[in-house]
Full PDB file with SEQRES, HELIX, SHEET, SSBOND, CRYST1, ORIGX, SCALE, CONECT and MASTER records, all heavy atoms in Angstrom:
SEQRES   1 A   41  VAL ASP ALA ALA GLU GLY PRO LEU PRO GLN THR ARG TYR          
SEQRES   2 A   41  VAL LEU SER LYS ALA LEU ALA MET ARG LEU PRO THR VAL          
SEQRES   3 A   41  LEU VAL ILE ASN LYS VAL ASP ARG GLN ASP ALA ARG PRO          
SEQRES   4 A   41  GLU GLU                                                      
HELIX    1 AA1 PRO A    9  ALA A   20  1                                  12    
CRYST1    1.000    1.000    1.000  90.00  90.00  90.00 P 1           1          
ORIGX1      1.000000  0.000000  0.000000        0.00000                         
ORIGX2      0.000000  1.000000  0.000000        0.00000                         
ORIGX3      0.000000  0.000000  1.000000        0.00000                         
SCALE1      1.000000  0.000000  0.000000        0.00000                         
SCALE2      0.000000  1.000000  0.000000        0.00000                         
SCALE3      0.000000  0.000000  1.000000        0.00000                         
ATOM      1  N   VAL A   1      56.136  26.566  87.029  1.00  0.00           N  
ATOM      2  CA  VAL A   1      57.348  26.086  87.696  1.00  0.00           C  
ATOM      3  C   VAL A   1      57.107  24.663  88.194  1.00  0.00           C  
ATOM      4  O   VAL A   1      56.042  24.358  88.722  1.00  0.00           O  
ATOM      5  CB  VAL A   1      57.732  27.009  88.881  1.00  0.00           C  
ATOM      6  CG1 VAL A   1      58.979  26.496  89.572  1.00  0.00           C  
ATOM      7  CG2 VAL A   1      57.960  28.431  88.397  1.00  0.00           C  
ATOM      8  N   ASP A   2      58.096  23.805  88.018  1.00  0.00           N  
ATOM      9  CA  ASP A   2      57.998  22.411  88.459  1.00  0.00           C  
ATOM     10  C   ASP A   2      58.082  22.345  89.984  1.00  0.00           C  
ATOM     11  O   ASP A   2      58.955  22.968  90.593  1.00  0.00           O  
ATOM     12  CB  ASP A   2      59.121  21.596  87.826  1.00  0.00           C  
ATOM     13  CG  ASP A   2      58.940  20.108  88.020  1.00  0.00           C  
ATOM     14  OD1 ASP A   2      59.115  19.637  89.170  1.00  0.00           O  
ATOM     15  OD2 ASP A   2      58.634  19.408  87.037  1.00  0.00           O  
ATOM     16  N   ALA A   3      57.191  21.561  90.602  1.00  0.00           N  
ATOM     17  CA  ALA A   3      57.124  21.480  92.062  1.00  0.00           C  
ATOM     18  C   ALA A   3      58.339  20.807  92.671  1.00  0.00           C  
ATOM     19  O   ALA A   3      58.579  20.942  93.879  1.00  0.00           O  
ATOM     20  CB  ALA A   3      55.861  20.731  92.491  1.00  0.00           C  
ATOM     21  N   ALA A   4      59.122  20.079  91.873  1.00  0.00           N  
ATOM     22  CA  ALA A   4      60.331  19.440  92.393  1.00  0.00           C  
ATOM     23  C   ALA A   4      61.586  20.216  91.996  1.00  0.00           C  
ATOM     24  O   ALA A   4      62.490  20.402  92.806  1.00  0.00           O  
ATOM     25  CB  ALA A   4      60.426  17.996  91.883  1.00  0.00           C  
ATOM     26  N   GLU A   5      61.651  20.691  90.760  1.00  0.00           N  
ATOM     27  CA  GLU A   5      62.878  21.316  90.267  1.00  0.00           C  
ATOM     28  C   GLU A   5      62.988  22.784  90.643  1.00  0.00           C  
ATOM     29  O   GLU A   5      64.087  23.326  90.741  1.00  0.00           O  
ATOM     30  CB  GLU A   5      62.955  21.165  88.742  1.00  0.00           C  
ATOM     31  CG  GLU A   5      63.051  19.723  88.290  1.00  0.00           C  
ATOM     32  CD  GLU A   5      63.036  19.592  86.782  1.00  0.00           C  
ATOM     33  OE1 GLU A   5      62.794  20.614  86.106  1.00  0.00           O  
ATOM     34  OE2 GLU A   5      63.263  18.479  86.280  1.00  0.00           O  
ATOM     35  N   GLY A   6      61.849  23.463  90.816  1.00  0.00           N  
ATOM     36  CA  GLY A   6      61.887  24.890  91.122  1.00  0.00           C  
ATOM     37  C   GLY A   6      62.255  25.718  89.904  1.00  0.00           C  
ATOM     38  O   GLY A   6      62.400  25.188  88.802  1.00  0.00           O  
ATOM     39  N   PRO A   7      62.448  27.012  90.088  1.00  0.00           N  
ATOM     40  CA  PRO A   7      62.799  27.873  88.945  1.00  0.00           C  
ATOM     41  C   PRO A   7      64.226  27.592  88.472  1.00  0.00           C  
ATOM     42  O   PRO A   7      65.136  27.465  89.284  1.00  0.00           O  
ATOM     43  CB  PRO A   7      62.665  29.292  89.500  1.00  0.00           C  
ATOM     44  CG  PRO A   7      62.839  29.138  90.984  1.00  0.00           C  
ATOM     45  CD  PRO A   7      62.302  27.784  91.336  1.00  0.00           C  
ATOM     46  N   LEU A   8      64.412  27.507  87.166  1.00  0.00           N  
ATOM     47  CA  LEU A   8      65.717  27.215  86.581  1.00  0.00           C  
ATOM     48  C   LEU A   8      66.244  28.453  85.846  1.00  0.00           C  
ATOM     49  O   LEU A   8      65.537  29.443  85.697  1.00  0.00           O  
ATOM     50  CB  LEU A   8      65.608  26.019  85.638  1.00  0.00           C  
ATOM     51  CG  LEU A   8      65.252  24.679  86.305  1.00  0.00           C  
ATOM     52  CD1 LEU A   8      65.304  23.561  85.295  1.00  0.00           C  
ATOM     53  CD2 LEU A   8      66.155  24.366  87.487  1.00  0.00           C  
ATOM     54  N   PRO A   9      67.509  28.413  85.401  1.00  0.00           N  
ATOM     55  CA  PRO A   9      68.129  29.616  84.828  1.00  0.00           C  
ATOM     56  C   PRO A   9      67.331  30.278  83.710  1.00  0.00           C  
ATOM     57  O   PRO A   9      67.202  31.487  83.671  1.00  0.00           O  
ATOM     58  CB  PRO A   9      69.472  29.088  84.309  1.00  0.00           C  
ATOM     59  CG  PRO A   9      69.800  27.950  85.211  1.00  0.00           C  
ATOM     60  CD  PRO A   9      68.491  27.316  85.535  1.00  0.00           C  
ATOM     61  N   GLN A  10      66.768  29.459  82.771  1.00  0.00           N  
ATOM     62  CA  GLN A  10      66.074  30.085  81.656  1.00  0.00           C  
ATOM     63  C   GLN A  10      64.760  30.744  82.083  1.00  0.00           C  
ATOM     64  O   GLN A  10      64.269  31.634  81.401  1.00  0.00           O  
ATOM     65  CB  GLN A  10      65.845  29.103  80.510  1.00  0.00           C  
ATOM     66  CG  GLN A  10      65.233  27.775  80.884  1.00  0.00           C  
ATOM     67  CD  GLN A  10      66.256  26.721  81.178  1.00  0.00           C  
ATOM     68  OE1 GLN A  10      67.088  26.904  82.057  1.00  0.00           O  
ATOM     69  NE2 GLN A  10      66.208  25.594  80.491  1.00  0.00           N  
ATOM     70  N   THR A  11      64.182  30.307  83.229  1.00  0.00           N  
ATOM     71  CA  THR A  11      62.992  30.973  83.752  1.00  0.00           C  
ATOM     72  C   THR A  11      63.309  32.429  84.047  1.00  0.00           C  
ATOM     73  O   THR A  11      62.507  33.328  83.788  1.00  0.00           O  
ATOM     74  CB  THR A  11      62.514  30.280  85.054  1.00  0.00           C  
ATOM     75  OG1 THR A  11      62.469  28.875  84.857  1.00  0.00           O  
ATOM     76  CG2 THR A  11      61.155  30.787  85.470  1.00  0.00           C  
ATOM     77  N   ARG A  12      64.479  32.650  84.593  1.00  0.00           N  
ATOM     78  CA  ARG A  12      64.896  33.998  84.980  1.00  0.00           C  
ATOM     79  C   ARG A  12      64.938  34.939  83.774  1.00  0.00           C  
ATOM     80  O   ARG A  12      64.521  36.088  83.867  1.00  0.00           O  
ATOM     81  CB  ARG A  12      66.279  33.917  85.644  1.00  0.00           C  
ATOM     82  CG  ARG A  12      66.808  35.233  86.169  1.00  0.00           C  
ATOM     83  CD  ARG A  12      68.227  35.114  86.692  1.00  0.00           C  
ATOM     84  NE  ARG A  12      68.622  36.316  87.384  1.00  0.00           N  
ATOM     85  CZ  ARG A  12      68.499  36.515  88.681  1.00  0.00           C  
ATOM     86  NH1 ARG A  12      67.992  35.558  89.444  1.00  0.00           N  
ATOM     87  NH2 ARG A  12      68.871  37.653  89.226  1.00  0.00           N  
ATOM     88  N   TYR A  13      65.422  34.414  82.631  1.00  0.00           N  
ATOM     89  CA  TYR A  13      65.578  35.267  81.453  1.00  0.00           C  
ATOM     90  C   TYR A  13      64.227  35.828  80.994  1.00  0.00           C  
ATOM     91  O   TYR A  13      64.061  37.032  80.812  1.00  0.00           O  
ATOM     92  CB  TYR A  13      66.239  34.475  80.324  1.00  0.00           C  
ATOM     93  CG  TYR A  13      66.336  35.251  79.033  1.00  0.00           C  
ATOM     94  CD1 TYR A  13      67.304  36.231  78.876  1.00  0.00           C  
ATOM     95  CD2 TYR A  13      65.454  35.020  77.987  1.00  0.00           C  
ATOM     96  CE1 TYR A  13      67.400  36.962  77.706  1.00  0.00           C  
ATOM     97  CE2 TYR A  13      65.537  35.744  76.811  1.00  0.00           C  
ATOM     98  CZ  TYR A  13      66.514  36.712  76.684  1.00  0.00           C  
ATOM     99  OH  TYR A  13      66.586  37.429  75.533  1.00  0.00           O  
ATOM    100  N   VAL A  14      63.243  34.937  80.789  1.00  0.00           N  
ATOM    101  CA  VAL A  14      61.943  35.396  80.282  1.00  0.00           C  
ATOM    102  C   VAL A  14      61.220  36.232  81.335  1.00  0.00           C  
ATOM    103  O   VAL A  14      60.594  37.242  81.024  1.00  0.00           O  
ATOM    104  CB  VAL A  14      61.072  34.196  79.850  1.00  0.00           C  
ATOM    105  CG1 VAL A  14      59.784  34.692  79.203  1.00  0.00           C  
ATOM    106  CG2 VAL A  14      61.824  33.315  78.884  1.00  0.00           C  
ATOM    107  N   LEU A  15      61.324  35.823  82.607  1.00  0.00           N  
ATOM    108  CA  LEU A  15      60.651  36.582  83.663  1.00  0.00           C  
ATOM    109  C   LEU A  15      61.226  37.989  83.785  1.00  0.00           C  
ATOM    110  O   LEU A  15      60.488  38.960  84.011  1.00  0.00           O  
ATOM    111  CB  LEU A  15      60.772  35.829  84.994  1.00  0.00           C  
ATOM    112  CG  LEU A  15      59.991  36.435  86.162  1.00  0.00           C  
ATOM    113  CD1 LEU A  15      58.495  36.470  85.857  1.00  0.00           C  
ATOM    114  CD2 LEU A  15      60.240  35.655  87.444  1.00  0.00           C  
ATOM    115  N   SER A  16      62.539  38.122  83.627  1.00  0.00           N  
ATOM    116  CA  SER A  16      63.134  39.458  83.706  1.00  0.00           C  
ATOM    117  C   SER A  16      62.608  40.353  82.589  1.00  0.00           C  
ATOM    118  O   SER A  16      62.337  41.540  82.795  1.00  0.00           O  
ATOM    119  CB  SER A  16      64.669  39.360  83.621  1.00  0.00           C  
ATOM    120  OG  SER A  16      65.075  38.891  82.359  1.00  0.00           O  
ATOM    121  N   LYS A  17      62.425  39.782  81.383  1.00  0.00           N  
ATOM    122  CA  LYS A  17      61.859  40.547  80.268  1.00  0.00           C  
ATOM    123  C   LYS A  17      60.409  40.948  80.577  1.00  0.00           C  
ATOM    124  O   LYS A  17      59.984  42.072  80.300  1.00  0.00           O  
ATOM    125  CB  LYS A  17      61.895  39.718  78.983  1.00  0.00           C  
ATOM    126  CG  LYS A  17      63.286  39.352  78.493  1.00  0.00           C  
ATOM    127  CD  LYS A  17      63.922  40.493  77.744  1.00  0.00           C  
ATOM    128  CE  LYS A  17      65.239  40.073  77.112  1.00  0.00           C  
ATOM    129  NZ  LYS A  17      65.927  41.197  76.450  1.00  0.00           N  
ATOM    130  N   ALA A  18      59.634  40.018  81.162  1.00  0.00           N  
ATOM    131  CA  ALA A  18      58.223  40.294  81.458  1.00  0.00           C  
ATOM    132  C   ALA A  18      58.079  41.376  82.522  1.00  0.00           C  
ATOM    133  O   ALA A  18      57.250  42.293  82.397  1.00  0.00           O  
ATOM    134  CB  ALA A  18      57.529  39.006  81.906  1.00  0.00           C  
ATOM    135  N   LEU A  19      58.884  41.292  83.585  1.00  0.00           N  
ATOM    136  CA  LEU A  19      58.783  42.282  84.660  1.00  0.00           C  
ATOM    137  C   LEU A  19      59.292  43.646  84.195  1.00  0.00           C  
ATOM    138  O   LEU A  19      58.810  44.686  84.659  1.00  0.00           O  
ATOM    139  CB  LEU A  19      59.558  41.805  85.889  1.00  0.00           C  
ATOM    140  CG  LEU A  19      58.978  40.572  86.595  1.00  0.00           C  
ATOM    141  CD1 LEU A  19      59.829  40.191  87.799  1.00  0.00           C  
ATOM    142  CD2 LEU A  19      57.532  40.818  87.042  1.00  0.00           C  
ATOM    143  N   ALA A  20      60.260  43.651  83.280  1.00  0.00           N  
ATOM    144  CA  ALA A  20      60.734  44.928  82.737  1.00  0.00           C  
ATOM    145  C   ALA A  20      59.623  45.629  81.963  1.00  0.00           C  
ATOM    146  O   ALA A  20      59.585  46.864  81.892  1.00  0.00           O  
ATOM    147  CB  ALA A  20      61.934  44.696  81.833  1.00  0.00           C  
ATOM    148  N   MET A  21      58.679  44.836  81.406  1.00  0.00           N  
ATOM    149  CA  MET A  21      57.535  45.409  80.689  1.00  0.00           C  
ATOM    150  C   MET A  21      56.333  45.600  81.613  1.00  0.00           C  
ATOM    151  O   MET A  21      55.241  45.917  81.144  1.00  0.00           O  
ATOM    152  CB  MET A  21      57.158  44.495  79.518  1.00  0.00           C  
ATOM    153  CG  MET A  21      58.256  44.364  78.473  1.00  0.00           C  
ATOM    154  SD  MET A  21      57.919  43.137  77.190  1.00  0.00           S  
ATOM    155  CE  MET A  21      56.546  43.897  76.340  1.00  0.00           C  
ATOM    156  N   ARG A  22      56.542  45.363  82.930  1.00  0.00           N  
ATOM    157  CA  ARG A  22      55.510  45.563  83.967  1.00  0.00           C  
ATOM    158  C   ARG A  22      54.272  44.704  83.723  1.00  0.00           C  
ATOM    159  O   ARG A  22      53.137  45.161  83.885  1.00  0.00           O  
ATOM    160  CB  ARG A  22      55.108  47.039  84.076  1.00  0.00           C  
ATOM    161  CG  ARG A  22      56.252  48.023  84.058  1.00  0.00           C  
ATOM    162  CD  ARG A  22      57.383  47.648  85.032  1.00  0.00           C  
ATOM    163  NE  ARG A  22      56.958  47.597  86.398  1.00  0.00           N  
ATOM    164  CZ  ARG A  22      56.909  48.657  87.204  1.00  0.00           C  
ATOM    165  NH1 ARG A  22      57.284  49.835  86.758  1.00  0.00           N  
ATOM    166  NH2 ARG A  22      56.521  48.532  88.451  1.00  0.00           N  
ATOM    167  N   LEU A  23      54.500  43.449  83.358  1.00  0.00           N  
ATOM    168  CA  LEU A  23      53.388  42.531  83.118  1.00  0.00           C  
ATOM    169  C   LEU A  23      53.067  41.761  84.401  1.00  0.00           C  
ATOM    170  O   LEU A  23      53.964  41.190  85.012  1.00  0.00           O  
ATOM    171  CB  LEU A  23      53.746  41.537  82.013  1.00  0.00           C  
ATOM    172  CG  LEU A  23      54.012  42.138  80.624  1.00  0.00           C  
ATOM    173  CD1 LEU A  23      54.476  41.054  79.657  1.00  0.00           C  
ATOM    174  CD2 LEU A  23      52.776  42.831  80.082  1.00  0.00           C  
ATOM    175  N   PRO A  24      51.795  41.742  84.843  1.00  0.00           N  
ATOM    176  CA  PRO A  24      51.428  40.975  86.043  1.00  0.00           C  
ATOM    177  C   PRO A  24      51.557  39.475  85.804  1.00  0.00           C  
ATOM    178  O   PRO A  24      51.512  39.009  84.661  1.00  0.00           O  
ATOM    179  CB  PRO A  24      49.969  41.371  86.287  1.00  0.00           C  
ATOM    180  CG  PRO A  24      49.468  41.852  84.971  1.00  0.00           C  
ATOM    181  CD  PRO A  24      50.645  42.445  84.251  1.00  0.00           C  
ATOM    182  N   THR A  25      51.708  38.737  86.917  1.00  0.00           N  
ATOM    183  CA  THR A  25      52.031  37.308  86.827  1.00  0.00           C  
ATOM    184  C   THR A  25      51.031  36.462  87.600  1.00  0.00           C  
ATOM    185  O   THR A  25      50.565  36.852  88.674  1.00  0.00           O  
ATOM    186  CB  THR A  25      53.441  37.058  87.393  1.00  0.00           C  
ATOM    187  OG1 THR A  25      54.373  37.903  86.713  1.00  0.00           O  
ATOM    188  CG2 THR A  25      53.864  35.612  87.222  1.00  0.00           C  
ATOM    189  N   VAL A  26      50.726  35.281  87.059  1.00  0.00           N  
ATOM    190  CA  VAL A  26      50.018  34.217  87.789  1.00  0.00           C  
ATOM    191  C   VAL A  26      51.013  33.061  87.904  1.00  0.00           C  
ATOM    192  O   VAL A  26      51.539  32.582  86.895  1.00  0.00           O  
ATOM    193  CB  VAL A  26      48.750  33.756  87.044  1.00  0.00           C  
ATOM    194  CG1 VAL A  26      48.133  32.548  87.742  1.00  0.00           C  
ATOM    195  CG2 VAL A  26      47.738  34.884  86.934  1.00  0.00           C  
ATOM    196  N   LEU A  27      51.300  32.619  89.136  1.00  0.00           N  
ATOM    197  CA  LEU A  27      52.262  31.532  89.361  1.00  0.00           C  
ATOM    198  C   LEU A  27      51.528  30.196  89.429  1.00  0.00           C  
ATOM    199  O   LEU A  27      50.575  30.032  90.201  1.00  0.00           O  
ATOM    200  CB  LEU A  27      53.026  31.764  90.667  1.00  0.00           C  
ATOM    201  CG  LEU A  27      53.943  30.617  91.108  1.00  0.00           C  
ATOM    202  CD1 LEU A  27      55.072  30.397  90.109  1.00  0.00           C  
ATOM    203  CD2 LEU A  27      54.507  30.872  92.507  1.00  0.00           C  
ATOM    204  N   VAL A  28      51.986  29.238  88.608  1.00  0.00           N  
ATOM    205  CA  VAL A  28      51.449  27.875  88.642  1.00  0.00           C  
ATOM    206  C   VAL A  28      52.580  26.939  89.043  1.00  0.00           C  
ATOM    207  O   VAL A  28      53.593  26.834  88.340  1.00  0.00           O  
ATOM    208  CB  VAL A  28      50.877  27.454  87.275  1.00  0.00           C  
ATOM    209  CG1 VAL A  28      50.379  26.012  87.329  1.00  0.00           C  
ATOM    210  CG2 VAL A  28      49.748  28.385  86.850  1.00  0.00           C  
ATOM    211  N   ILE A  29      52.427  26.268  90.190  1.00  0.00           N  
ATOM    212  CA  ILE A  29      53.385  25.241  90.621  1.00  0.00           C  
ATOM    213  C   ILE A  29      52.823  23.902  90.162  1.00  0.00           C  
ATOM    214  O   ILE A  29      51.815  23.420  90.690  1.00  0.00           O  
ATOM    215  CB  ILE A  29      53.603  25.285  92.146  1.00  0.00           C  
ATOM    216  CG1 ILE A  29      54.155  26.656  92.558  1.00  0.00           C  
ATOM    217  CG2 ILE A  29      54.555  24.176  92.575  1.00  0.00           C  
ATOM    218  CD1 ILE A  29      54.392  26.816  94.037  1.00  0.00           C  
ATOM    219  N   ASN A  30      53.463  23.332  89.154  1.00  0.00           N  
ATOM    220  CA  ASN A  30      52.934  22.150  88.477  1.00  0.00           C  
ATOM    221  C   ASN A  30      53.572  20.867  89.024  1.00  0.00           C  
ATOM    222  O   ASN A  30      54.624  20.904  89.655  1.00  0.00           O  
ATOM    223  CB  ASN A  30      53.195  22.284  86.972  1.00  0.00           C  
ATOM    224  CG  ASN A  30      52.471  21.221  86.182  1.00  0.00           C  
ATOM    225  OD1 ASN A  30      51.426  20.724  86.576  1.00  0.00           O  
ATOM    226  ND2 ASN A  30      53.035  20.850  85.030  1.00  0.00           N  
ATOM    227  N   LYS A  31      52.918  19.752  88.751  1.00  0.00           N  
ATOM    228  CA  LYS A  31      53.391  18.409  89.131  1.00  0.00           C  
ATOM    229  C   LYS A  31      53.518  18.271  90.653  1.00  0.00           C  
ATOM    230  O   LYS A  31      54.493  17.700  91.153  1.00  0.00           O  
ATOM    231  CB  LYS A  31      54.729  18.095  88.459  1.00  0.00           C  
ATOM    232  CG  LYS A  31      54.678  18.148  86.933  1.00  0.00           C  
ATOM    233  CD  LYS A  31      56.012  17.762  86.313  1.00  0.00           C  
ATOM    234  CE  LYS A  31      55.986  17.911  84.807  1.00  0.00           C  
ATOM    235  NZ  LYS A  31      57.283  17.612  84.185  1.00  0.00           N  
ATOM    236  N   VAL A  32      52.531  18.798  91.381  1.00  0.00           N  
ATOM    237  CA  VAL A  32      52.568  18.666  92.842  1.00  0.00           C  
ATOM    238  C   VAL A  32      52.313  17.234  93.287  1.00  0.00           C  
ATOM    239  O   VAL A  32      52.431  16.917  94.476  1.00  0.00           O  
ATOM    240  CB  VAL A  32      51.531  19.620  93.511  1.00  0.00           C  
ATOM    241  CG1 VAL A  32      51.942  21.062  93.332  1.00  0.00           C  
ATOM    242  CG2 VAL A  32      50.127  19.379  92.982  1.00  0.00           C  
ATOM    243  N   ASP A  33      51.971  16.343  92.341  1.00  0.00           N  
ATOM    244  CA  ASP A  33      51.748  14.939  92.689  1.00  0.00           C  
ATOM    245  C   ASP A  33      53.037  14.118  92.621  1.00  0.00           C  
ATOM    246  O   ASP A  33      53.027  12.927  92.924  1.00  0.00           O  
ATOM    247  CB  ASP A  33      50.692  14.325  91.763  1.00  0.00           C  
ATOM    248  CG  ASP A  33      51.103  14.371  90.290  1.00  0.00           C  
ATOM    249  OD1 ASP A  33      51.898  15.266  89.940  1.00  0.00           O  
ATOM    250  OD2 ASP A  33      50.622  13.530  89.511  1.00  0.00           O  
ATOM    251  N   ARG A  34      54.160  14.740  92.236  1.00  0.00           N  
ATOM    252  CA  ARG A  34      55.424  13.999  92.195  1.00  0.00           C  
ATOM    253  C   ARG A  34      55.842  13.581  93.596  1.00  0.00           C  
ATOM    254  O   ARG A  34      55.601  14.303  94.575  1.00  0.00           O  
ATOM    255  CB  ARG A  34      56.525  14.871  91.582  1.00  0.00           C  
ATOM    256  CG  ARG A  34      56.452  15.008  90.085  1.00  0.00           C  
ATOM    257  CD  ARG A  34      57.552  15.885  89.517  1.00  0.00           C  
ATOM    258  NE  ARG A  34      58.902  15.423  89.860  1.00  0.00           N  
ATOM    259  CZ  ARG A  34      59.989  15.809  89.223  1.00  0.00           C  
ATOM    260  NH1 ARG A  34      59.888  16.663  88.196  1.00  0.00           N  
ATOM    261  NH2 ARG A  34      61.183  15.367  89.571  1.00  0.00           N  
ATOM    262  N   GLN A  35      56.507  12.424  93.686  1.00  0.00           N  
ATOM    263  CA  GLN A  35      56.949  11.939  94.991  1.00  0.00           C  
ATOM    264  C   GLN A  35      57.966  12.881  95.626  1.00  0.00           C  
ATOM    265  O   GLN A  35      58.019  13.021  96.846  1.00  0.00           O  
ATOM    266  CB  GLN A  35      57.557  10.538  94.859  1.00  0.00           C  
ATOM    267  CG  GLN A  35      56.518   9.445  94.622  1.00  0.00           C  
ATOM    268  CD  GLN A  35      57.140   8.063  94.694  1.00  0.00           C  
ATOM    269  OE1 GLN A  35      58.359   7.926  94.597  1.00  0.00           O  
ATOM    270  NE2 GLN A  35      56.309   7.044  94.867  1.00  0.00           N  
ATOM    271  N   ASP A  36      58.784  13.534  94.780  1.00  0.00           N  
ATOM    272  CA  ASP A  36      59.811  14.434  95.312  1.00  0.00           C  
ATOM    273  C   ASP A  36      59.368  15.901  95.275  1.00  0.00           C  
ATOM    274  O   ASP A  36      60.197  16.805  95.336  1.00  0.00           O  
ATOM    275  CB  ASP A  36      61.115  14.258  94.529  1.00  0.00           C  
ATOM    276  CG  ASP A  36      60.928  14.468  93.026  1.00  0.00           C  
ATOM    277  OD1 ASP A  36      59.762  14.528  92.575  1.00  0.00           O  
ATOM    278  OD2 ASP A  36      61.943  14.567  92.309  1.00  0.00           O  
ATOM    279  N   ALA A  37      58.055  16.130  95.166  1.00  0.00           N  
ATOM    280  CA  ALA A  37      57.548  17.515  95.115  1.00  0.00           C  
ATOM    281  C   ALA A  37      57.842  18.225  96.442  1.00  0.00           C  
ATOM    282  O   ALA A  37      57.743  17.635  97.524  1.00  0.00           O  
ATOM    283  CB  ALA A  37      56.052  17.515  94.836  1.00  0.00           C  
ATOM    284  N   ARG A  38      58.190  19.510  96.348  1.00  0.00           N  
ATOM    285  CA  ARG A  38      58.465  20.333  97.538  1.00  0.00           C  
ATOM    286  C   ARG A  38      57.910  21.736  97.276  1.00  0.00           C  
ATOM    287  O   ARG A  38      58.665  22.710  97.178  1.00  0.00           O  
ATOM    288  CB  ARG A  38      59.964  20.362  97.809  1.00  0.00           C  
ATOM    289  CG  ARG A  38      60.800  20.622  96.575  1.00  0.00           C  
ATOM    290  CD  ARG A  38      62.296  20.552  96.804  1.00  0.00           C  
ATOM    291  NE  ARG A  38      62.988  21.085  95.625  1.00  0.00           N  
ATOM    292  CZ  ARG A  38      63.337  22.360  95.465  1.00  0.00           C  
ATOM    293  NH1 ARG A  38      63.084  23.235  96.426  1.00  0.00           N  
ATOM    294  NH2 ARG A  38      63.922  22.783  94.365  1.00  0.00           N  
ATOM    295  N   PRO A  39      56.588  21.844  97.139  1.00  0.00           N  
ATOM    296  CA  PRO A  39      55.976  23.106  96.687  1.00  0.00           C  
ATOM    297  C   PRO A  39      56.276  24.306  97.589  1.00  0.00           C  
ATOM    298  O   PRO A  39      56.450  25.421  97.091  1.00  0.00           O  
ATOM    299  CB  PRO A  39      54.477  22.790  96.645  1.00  0.00           C  
ATOM    300  CG  PRO A  39      54.306  21.542  97.457  1.00  0.00           C  
ATOM    301  CD  PRO A  39      55.575  20.789  97.347  1.00  0.00           C  
ATOM    302  N   GLU A  40      56.347  24.088  98.926  1.00  0.00           N  
ATOM    303  CA  GLU A  40      56.611  25.232  99.808  1.00  0.00           C  
ATOM    304  C   GLU A  40      58.008  25.813  99.557  1.00  0.00           C  
ATOM    305  O   GLU A  40      58.176  27.030  99.477  1.00  0.00           O  
ATOM    306  CB  GLU A  40      56.480  24.817 101.296  1.00  0.00           C  
ATOM    307  CG  GLU A  40      55.059  24.493 101.721  1.00  0.00           C  
ATOM    308  CD  GLU A  40      54.729  23.024 101.492  1.00  0.00           C  
ATOM    309  OE1 GLU A  40      55.590  22.296 100.926  1.00  0.00           O  
ATOM    310  OE2 GLU A  40      53.610  22.603 101.849  1.00  0.00           O  
ATOM    311  N   GLU A  41      59.007  24.920  99.419  1.00  0.00           N  
ATOM    312  CA  GLU A  41      60.369  25.401  99.150  1.00  0.00           C  
ATOM    313  C   GLU A  41      60.453  26.076  97.784  1.00  0.00           C  
ATOM    314  O   GLU A  41      61.121  27.105  97.622  1.00  0.00           O  
ATOM    315  CB  GLU A  41      61.358  24.224  99.204  1.00  0.00           C  
ATOM    316  CG  GLU A  41      61.515  23.603 100.582  1.00  0.00           C  
ATOM    317  CD  GLU A  41      62.422  22.382 100.521  1.00  0.00           C  
ATOM    318  OE1 GLU A  41      63.431  22.434  99.808  1.00  0.00           O  
ATOM    319  OE2 GLU A  41      62.103  21.375 101.182  1.00  0.00           O  
TER     320      GLU A  41                                                      
MASTER        0    0    0    1    0    0    0    6  319    1    0    4          
END                                                                             
């Protein structure tokens, strides 16, 4: 997930398929060096 843009609509589609198959997840918040990064939000 982009540290500035956050999760977008198409993220939801693939994630819903993955969770329906009970697949565990590792979350990577990328581009935390961007000036407009907001990783906590």
